[in-house]
Protein backbone atom coordinates (compact mmCIF):
# COMPACT_ATOMS: atom_id res chain seq x y z
CA UNK A 1 -6.69 -3.92 18.41
CA UNK A 2 -5.28 -4.51 14.92
CA UNK A 3 -4.77 -1.09 13.32
CA UNK A 4 -2.11 -0.04 10.80
CA UNK A 5 -1.48 3.45 9.41
CA UNK A 6 0.98 3.81 6.53
CA UNK A 7 2.14 6.80 4.50
CA UNK A 8 3.97 6.17 1.27
CA UNK A 9 3.98 6.14 -2.51
CA UNK A 10 2.44 3.65 -4.93
CA UNK A 11 5.05 1.65 -6.82
CA UNK A 12 2.69 0.68 -9.65
CA UNK A 13 -0.81 1.31 -10.94
CA UNK A 14 -3.68 -0.33 -9.07
CA UNK A 15 -4.67 -3.85 -10.14
CA UNK A 16 -8.37 -4.70 -10.04
CA UNK A 17 -10.26 -7.94 -10.46
CA UNK A 18 -13.63 -9.40 -9.59
CA UNK A 19 -13.88 -12.09 -6.92
CA UNK A 20 -15.95 -15.29 -7.20
CA UNK A 21 -18.90 -13.58 -5.50
CA UNK A 22 -18.77 -10.63 -7.96
CA UNK A 23 -17.27 -8.08 -5.57
CA UNK A 24 -14.42 -5.78 -6.59
CA UNK A 25 -10.91 -6.43 -5.28
CA UNK A 26 -8.06 -3.98 -5.85
CA UNK A 27 -4.44 -4.58 -4.87
CA UNK A 28 -1.86 -1.84 -4.40
CA UNK A 29 1.87 -1.87 -3.77
CA UNK A 30 2.88 0.88 -1.32
CA UNK A 31 6.48 1.87 -0.51
CA UNK A 32 7.28 3.39 2.87
CA UNK A 33 10.67 4.75 3.80
CA UNK A 34 12.47 4.83 7.13
CA UNK A 35 15.46 7.15 7.55
CA UNK A 36 17.98 7.52 10.33
CA UNK A 37 21.43 8.92 11.02
CA UNK A 38 24.17 6.30 11.34
CA UNK A 39 25.89 6.70 14.73
CA UNK A 40 29.33 5.66 13.51
CA UNK A 41 29.59 7.47 10.16
CA UNK A 42 27.13 10.30 10.80
CA UNK A 43 25.60 9.69 7.37
CA UNK A 44 21.88 9.48 6.74
CA UNK A 45 20.66 5.97 5.97
CA UNK A 46 17.32 4.84 4.59
CA UNK A 47 15.37 1.65 4.10
CA UNK A 48 12.36 1.15 1.82
CA UNK A 49 9.69 -1.39 2.77
CA UNK A 50 7.03 -2.59 0.30
CA UNK A 51 3.51 -3.34 1.54
CA UNK A 52 0.78 -5.28 -0.26
CA UNK A 53 -2.56 -3.52 0.18
CA UNK A 54 -5.89 -5.24 -0.46
CA UNK A 55 -9.06 -3.16 -0.89
CA UNK A 56 -12.61 -4.52 -1.16
CA UNK A 57 -16.05 -3.18 -2.12
CA UNK A 58 -16.80 0.44 -2.97
CA UNK A 59 -13.42 1.61 -1.69
CA UNK A 60 -11.81 -0.84 -4.15
CA UNK A 61 -13.55 0.99 -7.00
CA UNK A 62 -11.93 4.25 -5.87
CA UNK A 63 -8.57 2.53 -5.32
CA UNK A 64 -8.71 1.24 -8.90
CA UNK A 65 -8.27 4.85 -10.12
CA UNK A 66 -4.93 5.29 -8.29
CA UNK A 67 -1.74 5.33 -10.33
CA UNK A 68 1.98 4.85 -9.78
CA UNK A 69 3.57 7.62 -7.72
CA UNK A 70 0.39 8.60 -5.82
CA UNK A 71 1.19 9.77 -2.27
CA UNK A 72 -1.21 8.05 0.15
CA UNK A 73 -2.08 7.57 3.77
CA UNK A 74 -3.87 4.26 4.31
CA UNK A 75 -5.52 2.84 7.40
CA UNK A 76 -6.36 -0.82 7.77
CA UNK A 77 -5.60 -4.04 9.55
CA UNK A 78 -2.66 -6.40 9.26
CA UNK A 79 -3.61 -9.80 7.87
CA UNK A 80 -1.41 -12.87 7.33
CA UNK A 81 -2.77 -15.76 5.30
CA UNK A 82 -1.48 -18.99 3.80
CA UNK A 83 -2.03 -20.36 0.32
CA UNK A 84 -0.81 -23.24 -1.81
CA UNK A 85 1.56 -22.21 -4.59
CA UNK A 86 1.51 -23.71 -8.09
CA UNK A 87 4.41 -25.98 -7.13
CA UNK A 88 2.34 -27.40 -4.25
CA UNK A 89 4.26 -25.71 -1.44
CA UNK A 90 2.52 -23.73 1.28
CA UNK A 91 3.31 -20.01 1.25
CA UNK A 92 2.50 -17.24 3.69
CA UNK A 93 1.71 -13.64 2.77
CA UNK A 94 1.20 -10.56 4.94
CA UNK A 95 -1.01 -7.79 3.62
CA UNK A 96 -2.93 -4.76 4.79
CA UNK A 97 -6.74 -4.92 4.42
CA UNK A 98 -7.44 -1.27 3.73
CA UNK A 99 -10.36 0.50 5.41
CA UNK A 100 -9.52 4.13 4.52
CA UNK A 101 -7.44 5.88 1.85
CA UNK A 102 -6.38 9.54 2.00
CA UNK A 103 -4.57 11.12 -0.96
CA UNK A 104 -1.70 13.35 0.11
CA UNK A 105 -0.70 14.55 -3.38
CA UNK A 106 -0.32 18.28 -3.79
CA UNK A 107 -2.50 19.92 -6.38
CA UNK A 108 -0.78 21.73 -9.26
CA UNK A 109 -1.74 25.09 -7.70
CA UNK A 110 -0.10 24.20 -4.37
CA UNK A 111 3.10 23.03 -6.08
CA UNK A 112 3.51 26.43 -7.77
CA UNK A 113 3.09 28.21 -4.42
CA UNK A 114 5.53 25.96 -2.57
């Protein structure tokens, strides 16, 4: 089973384009953060990881409306592919092919109550 669930914040607005077969493709950049307490110093440490998300079809049309700072939970599958760069070298990229997007942003009314 290849299943990934991520919760994080968008680092930039969605980027959308049309593929060769006229389907919609949206890419997103999602930041997740891992925190822990350092055993030696006792201080809290954190590490941010950036994930490339790729969304196709009707879900891509929805994803195109997402903007920087949106708090999301995404579900998808991990995909690694190779491509040839402009300089002729072979590169490898790992991305998440998104199957579901849940917005976790608080509404303005909830923020006042919190």
